[in-house]
C-alpha atoms as a PDB file:
ATOM      1  CA  MET A   1       3.059 -16.834  -8.934  1.00  0.00           C
ATOM      2  CA  ASN A   2       5.572 -14.617 -10.998  1.00  0.00           C
ATOM      3  CA  SER A   3       8.225 -17.362 -11.324  1.00  0.00           C
ATOM      4  CA  SER A   4      10.971 -14.762 -12.210  1.00  0.00           C
ATOM      5  CA  GLY A   5      11.480 -13.991  -8.471  1.00  0.00           C
ATOM      6  CA  PRO A   6      11.797 -10.892  -6.851  1.00  0.00           C
ATOM      7  CA  GLU A   7      14.154  -9.373  -9.506  1.00  0.00           C
ATOM      8  CA  SER A   8      11.298  -9.284 -11.964  1.00  0.00           C
ATOM      9  CA  CYS A   9       9.120  -6.720 -10.107  1.00  0.00           C
ATOM     10  CA  LEU A  10       8.545  -3.509 -11.418  1.00  0.00           C
ATOM     11  CA  GLN A  11      10.490  -0.551  -9.799  1.00  0.00           C
ATOM     12  CA  VAL A  12      10.031   3.253  -8.967  1.00  0.00           C
ATOM     13  CA  HIS A  13      12.359   4.017 -12.342  1.00  0.00           C
ATOM     14  CA  ASP A  14      10.157   1.802 -14.653  1.00  0.00           C
ATOM     15  CA  LEU A  15       7.455   4.365 -14.119  1.00  0.00           C
ATOM     16  CA  PRO A  16       7.021   7.971 -14.799  1.00  0.00           C
ATOM     17  CA  LEU A  17       8.332   9.793 -11.728  1.00  0.00           C
ATOM     18  CA  ASN A  18       4.787  12.064 -12.326  1.00  0.00           C
ATOM     19  CA  THR A  19       2.518   9.236 -12.448  1.00  0.00           C
ATOM     20  CA  LEU A  20       3.521   8.341  -8.951  1.00  0.00           C
ATOM     21  CA  THR A  21       3.972  11.807  -7.525  1.00  0.00           C
ATOM     22  CA  ASP A  22       0.489  13.064  -8.566  1.00  0.00           C
ATOM     23  CA  LEU A  23      -1.163   9.703  -7.349  1.00  0.00           C
ATOM     24  CA  ILE A  24       0.242  10.545  -3.866  1.00  0.00           C
ATOM     25  CA  ALA A  25      -0.322  14.267  -4.110  1.00  0.00           C
ATOM     26  CA  ARG A  26      -3.816  13.600  -4.439  1.00  0.00           C
ATOM     27  CA  TYR A  27      -4.331  12.424  -1.071  1.00  0.00           C
ATOM     28  CA  GLY A  28      -1.947  15.402   0.656  1.00  0.00           C
ATOM     29  CA  LEU A  29       1.397  13.176   0.885  1.00  0.00           C
ATOM     30  CA  SER A  30       4.279  13.596  -0.725  1.00  0.00           C
ATOM     31  CA  LEU A  31       6.722  11.569  -2.813  1.00  0.00           C
ATOM     32  CA  VAL A  32      10.421  11.835  -2.052  1.00  0.00           C
ATOM     33  CA  LEU A  33      12.857  10.136  -4.605  1.00  0.00           C
ATOM     34  CA  LEU A  34      16.159   9.392  -3.193  1.00  0.00           C
ATOM     35  CA  ASP A  35      19.517   8.691  -4.866  1.00  0.00           C
ATOM     36  CA  ASP A  36      19.854   5.299  -5.848  1.00  0.00           C
ATOM     37  CA  THR A  37      22.624   4.749  -3.377  1.00  0.00           C
ATOM     38  CA  ALA A  38      21.166   6.254  -0.451  1.00  0.00           C
ATOM     39  CA  PRO A  39      19.976   4.825   2.515  1.00  0.00           C
ATOM     40  CA  ILE A  40      15.688   5.135   2.960  1.00  0.00           C
ATOM     41  CA  PRO A  41      14.624   6.786   6.079  1.00  0.00           C
ATOM     42  CA  GLY A  42      11.702   5.377   7.433  1.00  0.00           C
ATOM     43  CA  SER A  43      12.373   1.870   5.837  1.00  0.00           C
ATOM     44  CA  TYR A  44      11.056  -0.815   8.131  1.00  0.00           C
ATOM     45  CA  TRP A  45      12.857  -3.376   6.292  1.00  0.00           C
ATOM     46  CA  GLY A  46      15.816  -1.461   4.807  1.00  0.00           C
ATOM     47  CA  ALA A  47      16.574  -0.580   1.242  1.00  0.00           C
ATOM     48  CA  PRO A  48      15.341  -0.572  -1.358  1.00  0.00           C
ATOM     49  CA  GLU A  49      11.712  -0.947   0.431  1.00  0.00           C
ATOM     50  CA  ALA A  50      10.241   2.222   0.575  1.00  0.00           C
ATOM     51  CA  GLY A  51      10.038   4.753   3.784  1.00  0.00           C
ATOM     52  CA  LEU A  52       7.460   6.541   5.748  1.00  0.00           C
ATOM     53  CA  VAL A  53       8.065   9.378   7.663  1.00  0.00           C
ATOM     54  CA  GLY A  54       5.087  11.773   8.626  1.00  0.00           C
ATOM     55  CA  ARG A  55       3.653  12.481   5.488  1.00  0.00           C
ATOM     56  CA  GLU A  56       6.000  11.682   3.180  1.00  0.00           C
ATOM     57  CA  VAL A  57       6.760   8.086   1.508  1.00  0.00           C
ATOM     58  CA  LEU A  58      10.563   7.925   0.631  1.00  0.00           C
ATOM     59  CA  VAL A  59      11.964   5.434  -2.287  1.00  0.00           C
ATOM     60  CA  ARG A  60      14.822   5.319  -4.506  1.00  0.00           C
ATOM     61  CA  GLY A  61      14.482   4.211  -8.267  1.00  0.00           C
ATOM     62  CA  ASP A  62      14.888   0.575  -7.231  1.00  0.00           C
ATOM     63  CA  THR A  63      12.351   0.460  -4.942  1.00  0.00           C
ATOM     64  CA  PRO A  64       9.794  -2.301  -5.932  1.00  0.00           C
ATOM     65  CA  VAL A  65       6.368  -0.334  -6.755  1.00  0.00           C
ATOM     66  CA  HIS A  66       4.345  -2.955  -4.642  1.00  0.00           C
ATOM     67  CA  SER A  67       6.636  -1.353  -1.563  1.00  0.00           C
ATOM     68  CA  LEU A  68       6.028   2.215  -2.577  1.00  0.00           C
ATOM     69  CA  LEU A  69       2.220   1.140  -2.896  1.00  0.00           C
ATOM     70  CA  HIS A  70       2.135  -0.825   0.172  1.00  0.00           C
ATOM     71  CA  GLU A  71       3.830   2.197   2.402  1.00  0.00           C
ATOM     72  CA  PHE A  72       1.604   4.786   0.756  1.00  0.00           C
ATOM     73  CA  ALA A  73      -1.833   2.963   1.960  1.00  0.00           C
ATOM     74  CA  HIS A  74      -0.669   2.394   5.203  1.00  0.00           C
ATOM     75  CA  ALA A  75      -0.292   6.359   5.381  1.00  0.00           C
ATOM     76  CA  VAL A  76      -3.718   6.324   3.917  1.00  0.00           C
ATOM     77  CA  CYS A  77      -5.157   3.775   6.374  1.00  0.00           C
ATOM     78  CA  MET A  78      -3.793   5.091   9.425  1.00  0.00           C
ATOM     79  CA  ASP A  79      -5.555   7.869  11.710  1.00  0.00           C
ATOM     80  CA  GLU A  80      -3.913  11.232  12.025  1.00  0.00           C
ATOM     81  CA  ALA A  81      -2.673  10.915  15.437  1.00  0.00           C
ATOM     82  CA  ARG A  82      -0.558   8.098  14.169  1.00  0.00           C
ATOM     83  CA  ARG A  83       0.125   9.762  11.087  1.00  0.00           C
ATOM     84  CA  SER A  84       1.401  12.812  13.021  1.00  0.00           C
ATOM     85  CA  ARG A  85       4.060  11.151  14.608  1.00  0.00           C
ATOM     86  CA  LEU A  86       4.616   8.240  11.700  1.00  0.00           C
ATOM     87  CA  HIS A  87       8.379   7.261  11.221  1.00  0.00           C
ATOM     88  CA  THR A  88       9.181   3.729  10.141  1.00  0.00           C
ATOM     89  CA  ASP A  89       6.679   1.408  11.838  1.00  0.00           C
ATOM     90  CA  ALA A  90       3.203   2.052  10.431  1.00  0.00           C
ATOM     91  CA  GLY A  91       1.729  -0.048  13.240  1.00  0.00           C
ATOM     92  CA  GLY A  92      -1.822  -0.713  12.878  1.00  0.00           C
ATOM     93  CA  SER A  93      -4.338  -3.822  13.487  1.00  0.00           C
ATOM     94  CA  ASP A  94      -4.469  -7.078  11.668  1.00  0.00           C
ATOM     95  CA  ILE A  95      -7.723  -5.856  10.057  1.00  0.00           C
ATOM     96  CA  GLU A  96      -5.856  -2.510   9.210  1.00  0.00           C
ATOM     97  CA  GLU A  97      -2.905  -4.370   7.590  1.00  0.00           C
ATOM     98  CA  CYS A  98      -5.368  -6.398   5.216  1.00  0.00           C
ATOM     99  CA  ALA A  99      -6.704  -3.302   4.425  1.00  0.00           C
ATOM    100  CA  VAL A 100      -3.798  -2.033   3.480  1.00  0.00           C
ATOM    101  CA  CYS A 101      -3.016  -4.866   1.244  1.00  0.00           C
ATOM    102  CA  TYR A 102      -6.325  -4.204  -0.244  1.00  0.00           C
ATOM    103  CA  LEU A 103      -5.799  -0.869  -1.288  1.00  0.00           C
ATOM    104  CA  GLN A 104      -2.534  -1.265  -2.411  1.00  0.00           C
ATOM    105  CA  ILE A 105      -4.117  -3.442  -5.056  1.00  0.00           C
ATOM    106  CA  LEU A 106      -6.647  -1.127  -5.973  1.00  0.00           C
ATOM    107  CA  LEU A 107      -4.198   1.621  -6.110  1.00  0.00           C
ATOM    108  CA  ALA A 108      -2.279  -0.155  -8.886  1.00  0.00           C
ATOM    109  CA  ASP A 109      -4.996   0.514 -11.222  1.00  0.00           C
ATOM    110  CA  GLU A 110      -4.182   4.178 -10.822  1.00  0.00           C
ATOM    111  CA  LEU A 111      -0.691   3.664 -12.547  1.00  0.00           C
ATOM    112  CA  PRO A 112      -0.600   2.944 -16.248  1.00  0.00           C
ATOM    113  CA  GLY A 113       1.451   0.120 -17.002  1.00  0.00           C
ATOM    114  CA  VAL A 114       0.756  -1.637 -13.479  1.00  0.00           C
ATOM    115  CA  GLY A 115      -2.516  -2.209 -12.737  1.00  0.00           C
ATOM    116  CA  ARG A 116      -3.977  -4.984 -10.149  1.00  0.00           C
ATOM    117  CA  GLN A 117      -3.041  -8.312 -12.171  1.00  0.00           C
ATOM    118  CA  ARG A 118       0.629  -7.265 -12.304  1.00  0.00           C
ATOM    119  CA  LEU A 119       0.987  -6.212  -8.843  1.00  0.00           C
ATOM    120  CA  MET A 120      -0.356  -8.901  -7.517  1.00  0.00           C
ATOM    121  CA  LEU A 121       2.204 -11.147  -9.156  1.00  0.00           C
ATOM    122  CA  ASP A 122       4.754  -8.660  -8.021  1.00  0.00           C
ATOM    123  CA  MET A 123       3.784  -9.439  -4.128  1.00  0.00           C
ATOM    124  CA  ASP A 124       3.653 -13.442  -4.572  1.00  0.00           C
ATOM    125  CA  ALA A 125       7.034 -12.985  -6.238  1.00  0.00           C
ATOM    126  CA  TRP A 126       8.244 -10.975  -3.254  1.00  0.00           C
ATOM    127  CA  GLY A 127       7.021 -13.228  -0.723  1.00  0.00           C
ATOM    128  CA  TYR A 128       3.847 -11.667   0.555  1.00  0.00           C
ATOM    129  CA  SER A 129       2.122 -14.228   2.698  1.00  0.00           C
ATOM    130  CA  PHE A 130      -1.775 -15.061   2.938  1.00  0.00           C
ATOM    131  CA  ARG A 131      -4.081 -17.935   4.318  1.00  0.00           C
ATOM    132  CA  LEU A 132      -5.129 -18.996   0.925  1.00  0.00           C
ATOM    133  CA  GLY A 133      -1.742 -18.911  -0.788  1.00  0.00           C
ATOM    134  CA  SER A 134      -1.646 -16.343  -3.825  1.00  0.00           C
ATOM    135  CA  THR A 135      -2.431 -12.721  -3.045  1.00  0.00           C
ATOM    136  CA  LEU A 136      -5.035 -13.604  -6.025  1.00  0.00           C
ATOM    137  CA  ASP A 137      -6.603 -16.018  -4.298  1.00  0.00           C
ATOM    138  CA  TRP A 138      -6.956 -13.722  -1.055  1.00  0.00           C
ATOM    139  CA  PHE A 139      -8.009 -10.582  -3.105  1.00  0.00           C
ATOM    140  CA  LEU A 140     -11.066 -12.540  -4.604  1.00  0.00           C
ATOM    141  CA  ARG A 141     -12.227 -15.027  -1.504  1.00  0.00           C
ATOM    142  CA  ASP A 142     -10.663 -14.098   1.688  1.00  0.00           C
ATOM    143  CA  ALA A 143     -10.467 -10.306   2.125  1.00  0.00           C
ATOM    144  CA  ALA A 144     -14.115  -9.147   2.547  1.00  0.00           C
ATOM    145  CA  ASP A 145     -13.125  -7.803   5.958  1.00  0.00           C
ATOM    146  CA  ALA A 146     -10.640  -5.601   4.504  1.00  0.00           C
ATOM    147  CA  ARG A 147     -12.842  -4.213   2.050  1.00  0.00           C
ATOM    148  CA  THR A 148     -15.614  -3.580   4.345  1.00  0.00           C
ATOM    149  CA  TRP A 149     -13.253  -1.734   6.401  1.00  0.00           C
ATOM    150  CA  LEU A 150     -12.030   0.243   3.861  1.00  0.00           C
ATOM    151  CA  MET A 151     -15.745   1.235   2.743  1.00  0.00           C
ATOM    152  CA  ASP A 152     -16.798   1.760   6.513  1.00  0.00           C
ATOM    153  CA  GLU A 153     -13.720   4.312   6.908  1.00  0.00           C
ATOM    154  CA  GLY A 154     -14.440   6.121   3.404  1.00  0.00           C
ATOM    155  CA  LEU A 155     -11.412   5.096   1.626  1.00  0.00           C
ATOM    156  CA  ILE A 156     -12.807   3.024  -1.221  1.00  0.00           C
ATOM    157  CA  ASP A 157     -16.573   3.641  -2.714  1.00  0.00           C
ATOM    158  CA  GLN A 158     -19.041   1.084  -3.425  1.00  0.00           C
ATOM    159  CA  CYS A 159     -17.527   0.312  -6.588  1.00  0.00           C
ATOM    160  CA  GLU A 160     -14.209  -0.705  -4.895  1.00  0.00           C
ATOM    161  CA  GLN A 161     -12.608   2.647  -6.257  1.00  0.00           C
ATOM    162  CA  PRO A 162     -10.092   4.036  -4.314  1.00  0.00           C
ATOM    163  CA  VAL A 163     -11.307   7.732  -2.368  1.00  0.00           C
ATOM    164  CA  PRO A 164      -8.320  10.361  -2.570  1.00  0.00           C
ATOM    165  CA  GLN A 165      -8.694  11.084   1.040  1.00  0.00           C
ATOM    166  CA  LEU A 166      -6.970  10.244   4.584  1.00  0.00           C
ATOM    167  CA  ARG A 167      -8.876   8.085   7.318  1.00  0.00           C
ATOM    168  CA  GLU A 168      -9.538  10.515  10.185  1.00  0.00           C
ATOM    169  CA  GLY A 169     -11.457   8.209  12.281  1.00  0.00           C
ATOM    170  CA  LEU A 170     -10.979   6.218  15.480  1.00  0.00           C
ATOM    171  CA  PRO A 171      -9.646   2.715  15.253  1.00  0.00           C
ATOM    172  CA  TRP A 172     -12.112   0.280  13.326  1.00  0.00           C
ATOM    173  CA  GLN A 173     -13.857  -2.218  15.462  1.00  0.00           C
ATOM    174  CA  ARG A 174     -15.498  -5.363  13.984  1.00  0.00           C
ATOM    175  CA  PRO A 175     -19.275  -4.964  14.745  1.00  0.00           C
ATOM    176  CA  PRO A 176     -20.655  -7.504  17.370  1.00  0.00           C
ATOM    177  CA  ASP A 177     -21.876 -10.729  15.666  1.00  0.00           C
ATOM    178  CA  THR A 178     -25.546 -10.761  16.067  1.00  0.00           C
ATOM    179  CA  ARG A 179     -26.478 -14.004  14.620  1.00  0.00           C
END
């Protein structure tokens, strides 16, 4: 656990803006950087947390990187019908929410100076809650369903690398248990 607390989390202004905009643009989405005192449209929890409106991820310089990646992953994981009317509440199923958390961790490896280890520490410091306690324990030991969902939707490959595309399919349903 990151013992320094939420104030120690990486923020958007800690990274080169072009690395963030380039990552998001690879998926056909846009990053909107707002003034540090502006409200953040589409933010479910309110500033400084990232917002979602349509195909835009809205942030300020003081937005935590984990929040930006989480909302970005929501936009990637939802189907086009939800994305087309998206404003604030990403919605989705429990498995999709787990997939969003898993994908945000993988996407952290795409950002120099971030990486999955740092992001998971920031998620713990911010207060993300998982059944096994820490984000790392969840990621390593309790996230097989999230990983499978992402692979089935074509959002990560067999090596668990993010595939730069948006989900277009129907809502995922767990296959019937054949045991």
